[in-house]
C-alpha atoms as a PDB file:
ATOM      1  CA  MET A   1       0.152  -0.236  -0.074  1.00  0.00           C
ATOM      2  CA  PRO A   2       1.383   3.441  -0.813  1.00  0.00           C
ATOM      3  CA  LYS A   3       2.386   5.607   1.897  1.00  0.00           C
ATOM      4  CA  SER A   4       3.908   9.076   2.184  1.00  0.00           C
ATOM      5  CA  VAL A   5       6.611  10.291   4.267  1.00  0.00           C
ATOM      6  CA  HIS A   6       8.209  13.826   4.696  1.00  0.00           C
ATOM      7  CA  GLY A   7      11.785  14.451   3.893  1.00  0.00           C
ATOM      8  CA  VAL A   8      14.334  17.033   2.938  1.00  0.00           C
ATOM      9  CA  LEU A   9      16.749  17.596   0.304  1.00  0.00           C
ATOM     10  CA  LYS A  10      20.493  17.837   1.642  1.00  0.00           C
ATOM     11  CA  HIS A  11      23.415  17.835  -0.397  1.00  0.00           C
ATOM     12  CA  GLY A  12      21.509  16.088  -3.251  1.00  0.00           C
ATOM     13  CA  LYS A  13      20.199  13.444  -1.055  1.00  0.00           C
ATOM     14  CA  VAL A  14      16.631  13.050   0.495  1.00  0.00           C
ATOM     15  CA  GLU A  15      16.743  12.800   4.302  1.00  0.00           C
ATOM     16  CA  LEU A  16      13.691  11.180   5.891  1.00  0.00           C
ATOM     17  CA  LEU A  17      12.223  13.044   8.783  1.00  0.00           C
ATOM     18  CA  GLU A  18      10.690  10.047  10.265  1.00  0.00           C
ATOM     19  CA  PRO A  19      11.645   6.385  10.476  1.00  0.00           C
ATOM     20  CA  LEU A  20      10.445   3.765   7.789  1.00  0.00           C
ATOM     21  CA  ASP A  21      10.101   0.193   8.363  1.00  0.00           C
ATOM     22  CA  GLU A  22      10.412  -0.904   4.843  1.00  0.00           C
ATOM     23  CA  PRO A  23      13.043  -3.479   3.707  1.00  0.00           C
ATOM     24  CA  ASP A  24      16.236  -2.120   1.637  1.00  0.00           C
ATOM     25  CA  GLY A  25      15.513  -2.382  -1.906  1.00  0.00           C
ATOM     26  CA  THR A  26      11.901  -0.998  -1.537  1.00  0.00           C
ATOM     27  CA  GLU A  27      11.135   1.020  -4.509  1.00  0.00           C
ATOM     28  CA  VAL A  28      10.251   4.517  -3.857  1.00  0.00           C
ATOM     29  CA  ILE A  29       8.931   7.530  -5.885  1.00  0.00           C
ATOM     30  CA  VAL A  30      10.358  10.936  -4.637  1.00  0.00           C
ATOM     31  CA  SER A  31       8.019  14.164  -5.377  1.00  0.00           C
ATOM     32  CA  ILE A  32       9.394  17.516  -4.764  1.00  0.00           C
ATOM     33  CA  SER A  33       7.057  19.962  -3.149  1.00  0.00           C
ATOM     34  CA  GLY A  34       8.943  23.086  -4.201  1.00  0.00           C
ATOM     35  CA  HIS A  35       9.001  24.501  -0.674  1.00  0.00           C
ATOM     36  CA  ALA A  36      12.158  24.946   1.268  1.00  0.00           C
ATOM     37  CA  ARG A  37      11.922  24.385   4.865  1.00  0.00           C
ATOM     38  CA  VAL A  38      11.631  28.161   6.183  1.00  0.00           C
ATOM     39  CA  ILE A  39      12.231  29.180   9.720  1.00  0.00           C
ATOM     40  CA  GLU A  40      10.618  32.255  10.750  1.00  0.00           C
ATOM     41  CA  LEU A  41      12.985  34.575  13.020  1.00  0.00           C
ATOM     42  CA  LYS A  42       9.943  36.071  14.814  1.00  0.00           C
ATOM     43  CA  ASP A  43       8.752  32.841  15.932  1.00  0.00           C
ATOM     44  CA  ARG A  44      12.086  32.240  17.408  1.00  0.00           C
ATOM     45  CA  ARG A  45      12.316  35.746  19.003  1.00  0.00           C
ATOM     46  CA  MET A  46      15.454  36.467  16.913  1.00  0.00           C
ATOM     47  CA  SER A  47      16.340  39.596  15.154  1.00  0.00           C
ATOM     48  CA  PRO A  48      18.003  39.264  11.436  1.00  0.00           C
ATOM     49  CA  ALA A  49      21.134  40.396  13.125  1.00  0.00           C
ATOM     50  CA  GLN A  50      21.108  37.807  15.901  1.00  0.00           C
ATOM     51  CA  ALA A  51      20.294  35.263  13.228  1.00  0.00           C
ATOM     52  CA  ALA A  52      23.471  36.346  11.193  1.00  0.00           C
ATOM     53  CA  ASP A  53      25.664  36.130  14.359  1.00  0.00           C
ATOM     54  CA  LEU A  54      24.413  32.662  15.298  1.00  0.00           C
ATOM     55  CA  ARG A  55      24.782  31.607  11.650  1.00  0.00           C
ATOM     56  CA  ALA A  56      28.562  33.084  11.648  1.00  0.00           C
ATOM     57  CA  ARG A  57      29.579  31.385  14.877  1.00  0.00           C
ATOM     58  CA  LEU A  58      27.843  28.007  13.864  1.00  0.00           C
ATOM     59  CA  ALA A  59      29.678  27.970  10.481  1.00  0.00           C
ATOM     60  CA  THR A  60      32.747  26.724  12.313  1.00  0.00           C
ATOM     61  CA  PHE A  61      30.896  23.538  13.130  1.00  0.00           C
ATOM     62  CA  CYS A  62      29.422  22.823   9.497  1.00  0.00           C
ATOM     63  CA  GLU A  63      32.400  20.662   8.376  1.00  0.00           C
ATOM     64  CA  ASP A  64      32.322  18.222  11.080  1.00  0.00           C
ATOM     65  CA  TRP A  65      28.336  18.347  10.913  1.00  0.00           C
ATOM     66  CA  ASP A  66      28.280  17.398   7.301  1.00  0.00           C
ATOM     67  CA  ARG A  67      30.660  14.403   7.454  1.00  0.00           C
ATOM     68  CA  PRO A  68      29.135  11.116   6.767  1.00  0.00           C
ATOM     69  CA  GLU A  69      29.762   9.427  10.056  1.00  0.00           C
ATOM     70  CA  MET A  70      27.877  12.051  11.925  1.00  0.00           C
ATOM     71  CA  ASP A  71      24.571  10.991  10.165  1.00  0.00           C
ATOM     72  CA  VAL A  72      24.116   8.604  12.962  1.00  0.00           C
ATOM     73  CA  TYR A  73      23.210  11.482  15.431  1.00  0.00           C
ATOM     74  CA  ASP A  74      20.347  12.626  13.003  1.00  0.00           C
ATOM     75  CA  ARG A  75      18.383   9.800  14.317  1.00  0.00           C
ATOM     76  CA  TYR A  76      18.425  11.313  17.776  1.00  0.00           C
END
């Protein structure tokens, strides 16, 4: 039976936002919604200047976060 799950495109690969119990090799169809995940700063009580400062401070971690062996932490 067909089912839908949400995911995001990251570095050319689809990362699911919820676990699946399907066996490896199961055929899938990916539909692109065309919507990027948007975080509203006002919902986070953050100004554009604060967001820019945070982005700059966290940029030093990007190389480590994007290493394939770090993917295991995405499940937590």
